[in-house]
Amino acid sequence: MPKPLNFCLHKLVIAQRRAKKDKREKDIQQAVYILAILDPKDLRFALVELPPKRRQLARKSLEAAWDLFPLERSALARHGLTPQKLHKGILWCRQAFADPSRRLKRKLDVDMISGKIET
């Protein structure tokens, strides 16, 4: 079972790679529904940590979500995912949201999973 944050990010990225409009909208819808249970800080940190190409794809999906699912705008707004903020790129600034202590913790988690650090 994937972690909700990872699943949400995956759906946001993969939606923009879909050729069929209905599948793209379904992926975006699933991602938006998952937003309701995610911590806004975790989501912002994860978005900032995405590679630039994937970050751009996620942003396009989030921009589309605002128009596609008006009833979910409160969940999007709770995470600061309004059209104004998405357009200005506020969410994508590393300096604005990147917390060095969390980055170090994430690196340690990755190192532990890959076997570089023994528990």
Protein backbone atom coordinates (compact mmCIF):
# COMPACT_ATOMS: atom_id res chain seq x y z
CA MET A 1 0.00 0.00 0.00
CA PRO A 2 1.59 3.32 -1.04
CA LYS A 3 1.90 6.22 1.37
CA PRO A 4 -0.84 8.79 0.66
CA LEU A 5 1.67 11.56 -0.04
CA ASN A 6 3.58 9.46 -2.56
CA PHE A 7 0.35 8.31 -4.18
CA CYS A 8 -0.87 11.89 -4.49
CA LEU A 9 2.36 13.10 -6.07
CA HIS A 10 2.41 10.13 -8.44
CA LYS A 11 -1.14 10.87 -9.60
CA LEU A 12 -0.35 14.56 -10.13
CA VAL A 13 2.68 13.75 -12.26
CA ILE A 14 1.26 10.83 -14.21
CA ALA A 15 -1.95 12.73 -15.04
CA GLN A 16 -0.05 15.04 -17.37
CA ARG A 17 1.43 12.08 -19.22
CA ARG A 18 -1.98 10.59 -20.02
CA ALA A 19 -3.20 10.89 -23.60
CA LYS A 20 -6.87 10.34 -22.76
CA LYS A 21 -8.63 13.28 -21.14
CA ASP A 22 -10.92 11.15 -18.96
CA LYS A 23 -8.01 9.20 -17.45
CA ARG A 24 -6.09 12.45 -16.85
CA GLU A 25 -9.07 13.94 -15.01
CA LYS A 26 -9.53 10.77 -12.95
CA ASP A 27 -5.88 10.87 -11.84
CA ILE A 28 -6.19 14.53 -10.85
CA GLN A 29 -9.44 13.80 -9.00
CA GLN A 30 -7.83 10.98 -7.00
CA ALA A 31 -4.90 13.24 -6.08
CA VAL A 32 -7.23 16.03 -4.96
CA TYR A 33 -9.22 13.64 -2.75
CA ILE A 34 -5.99 12.50 -1.07
CA LEU A 35 -5.09 16.14 -0.32
CA ALA A 36 -7.78 16.21 2.36
CA ILE A 37 -5.76 13.87 4.60
CA LEU A 38 -2.30 15.29 3.92
CA ASP A 39 -0.43 17.78 6.07
CA PRO A 40 0.11 20.98 4.03
CA LYS A 41 3.73 21.27 5.20
CA ASP A 42 4.54 17.73 4.10
CA LEU A 43 2.98 18.33 0.70
CA ARG A 44 4.84 21.61 0.14
CA PHE A 45 8.12 20.02 1.18
CA ALA A 46 7.53 17.05 -1.14
CA LEU A 47 6.64 19.33 -4.06
CA VAL A 48 9.80 21.36 -3.56
CA GLU A 49 11.88 18.18 -3.46
CA LEU A 50 10.53 16.88 -6.78
CA PRO A 51 12.86 17.09 -9.78
CA PRO A 52 12.08 20.18 -11.92
CA LYS A 53 10.32 18.29 -14.74
CA ARG A 54 8.04 16.42 -12.33
CA ARG A 55 7.41 19.60 -10.36
CA GLN A 56 6.21 21.26 -13.56
CA LEU A 57 3.89 18.34 -14.35
CA ALA A 58 2.46 18.39 -10.81
CA ARG A 59 1.87 22.14 -11.07
CA LYS A 60 -0.07 21.72 -14.32
CA SER A 61 -2.28 19.09 -12.68
CA LEU A 62 -2.91 21.32 -9.67
CA GLU A 63 -3.80 24.25 -11.93
CA ALA A 64 -6.28 22.03 -13.78
CA ALA A 65 -7.76 20.75 -10.50
CA TRP A 66 -9.00 24.20 -9.52
CA ASP A 67 -11.23 24.39 -12.61
CA LEU A 68 -12.13 20.71 -12.88
CA PHE A 69 -13.27 20.20 -9.28
CA PRO A 70 -14.80 23.39 -7.85
CA LEU A 71 -16.24 21.50 -4.87
CA GLU A 72 -12.72 20.58 -3.78
CA ARG A 73 -11.40 24.14 -3.82
CA SER A 74 -11.44 24.30 -0.02
CA ALA A 75 -9.02 21.36 0.17
CA LEU A 76 -6.81 22.97 -2.47
CA ALA A 77 -6.92 26.34 -0.69
CA ARG A 78 -6.05 24.72 2.66
CA HIS A 79 -2.80 23.64 1.06
CA GLY A 80 -2.26 27.06 -0.52
CA LEU A 81 -2.90 25.64 -4.00
CA THR A 82 -4.83 28.60 -5.36
CA PRO A 83 -4.41 29.73 -8.99
CA GLN A 84 -2.66 32.93 -7.89
CA LYS A 85 -0.03 31.09 -5.85
CA LEU A 86 0.44 28.38 -8.46
CA HIS A 87 0.85 30.94 -11.23
CA LYS A 88 3.37 33.01 -9.28
CA GLY A 89 5.38 29.91 -8.45
CA ILE A 90 5.30 30.62 -4.72
CA LEU A 91 5.04 26.93 -3.85
CA TRP A 92 8.06 25.97 -5.89
CA CYS A 93 10.63 28.17 -4.15
CA ARG A 94 13.12 26.01 -2.26
CA GLN A 95 14.10 28.80 0.11
CA ALA A 96 10.49 29.47 1.12
CA PHE A 97 9.62 25.98 2.32
CA ALA A 98 12.69 23.80 2.46
CA ASP A 99 13.46 23.02 6.08
CA PRO A 100 17.09 21.83 6.45
CA SER A 101 16.28 19.60 9.42
CA ARG A 102 13.57 17.79 7.45
CA ARG A 103 15.87 17.45 4.44
CA LEU A 104 18.50 15.83 6.66
CA LYS A 105 15.90 13.48 8.17
CA ARG A 106 14.73 12.50 4.68
CA LYS A 107 18.31 11.84 3.57
CA LEU A 108 18.86 9.65 6.62
CA ASP A 109 15.64 7.75 5.84
CA VAL A 110 16.76 7.19 2.26
CA ASP A 111 20.21 6.08 3.39
CA MET A 112 18.63 3.66 5.86
CA ILE A 113 16.37 2.17 3.21
CA SER A 114 19.22 1.81 0.72
CA GLY A 115 21.39 0.10 3.33
CA LYS A 116 24.01 2.82 3.70
CA ILE A 117 23.16 3.12 7.40
CA GLU A 118 22.50 0.10 9.56
CA THR A 119 19.84 0.30 12.26
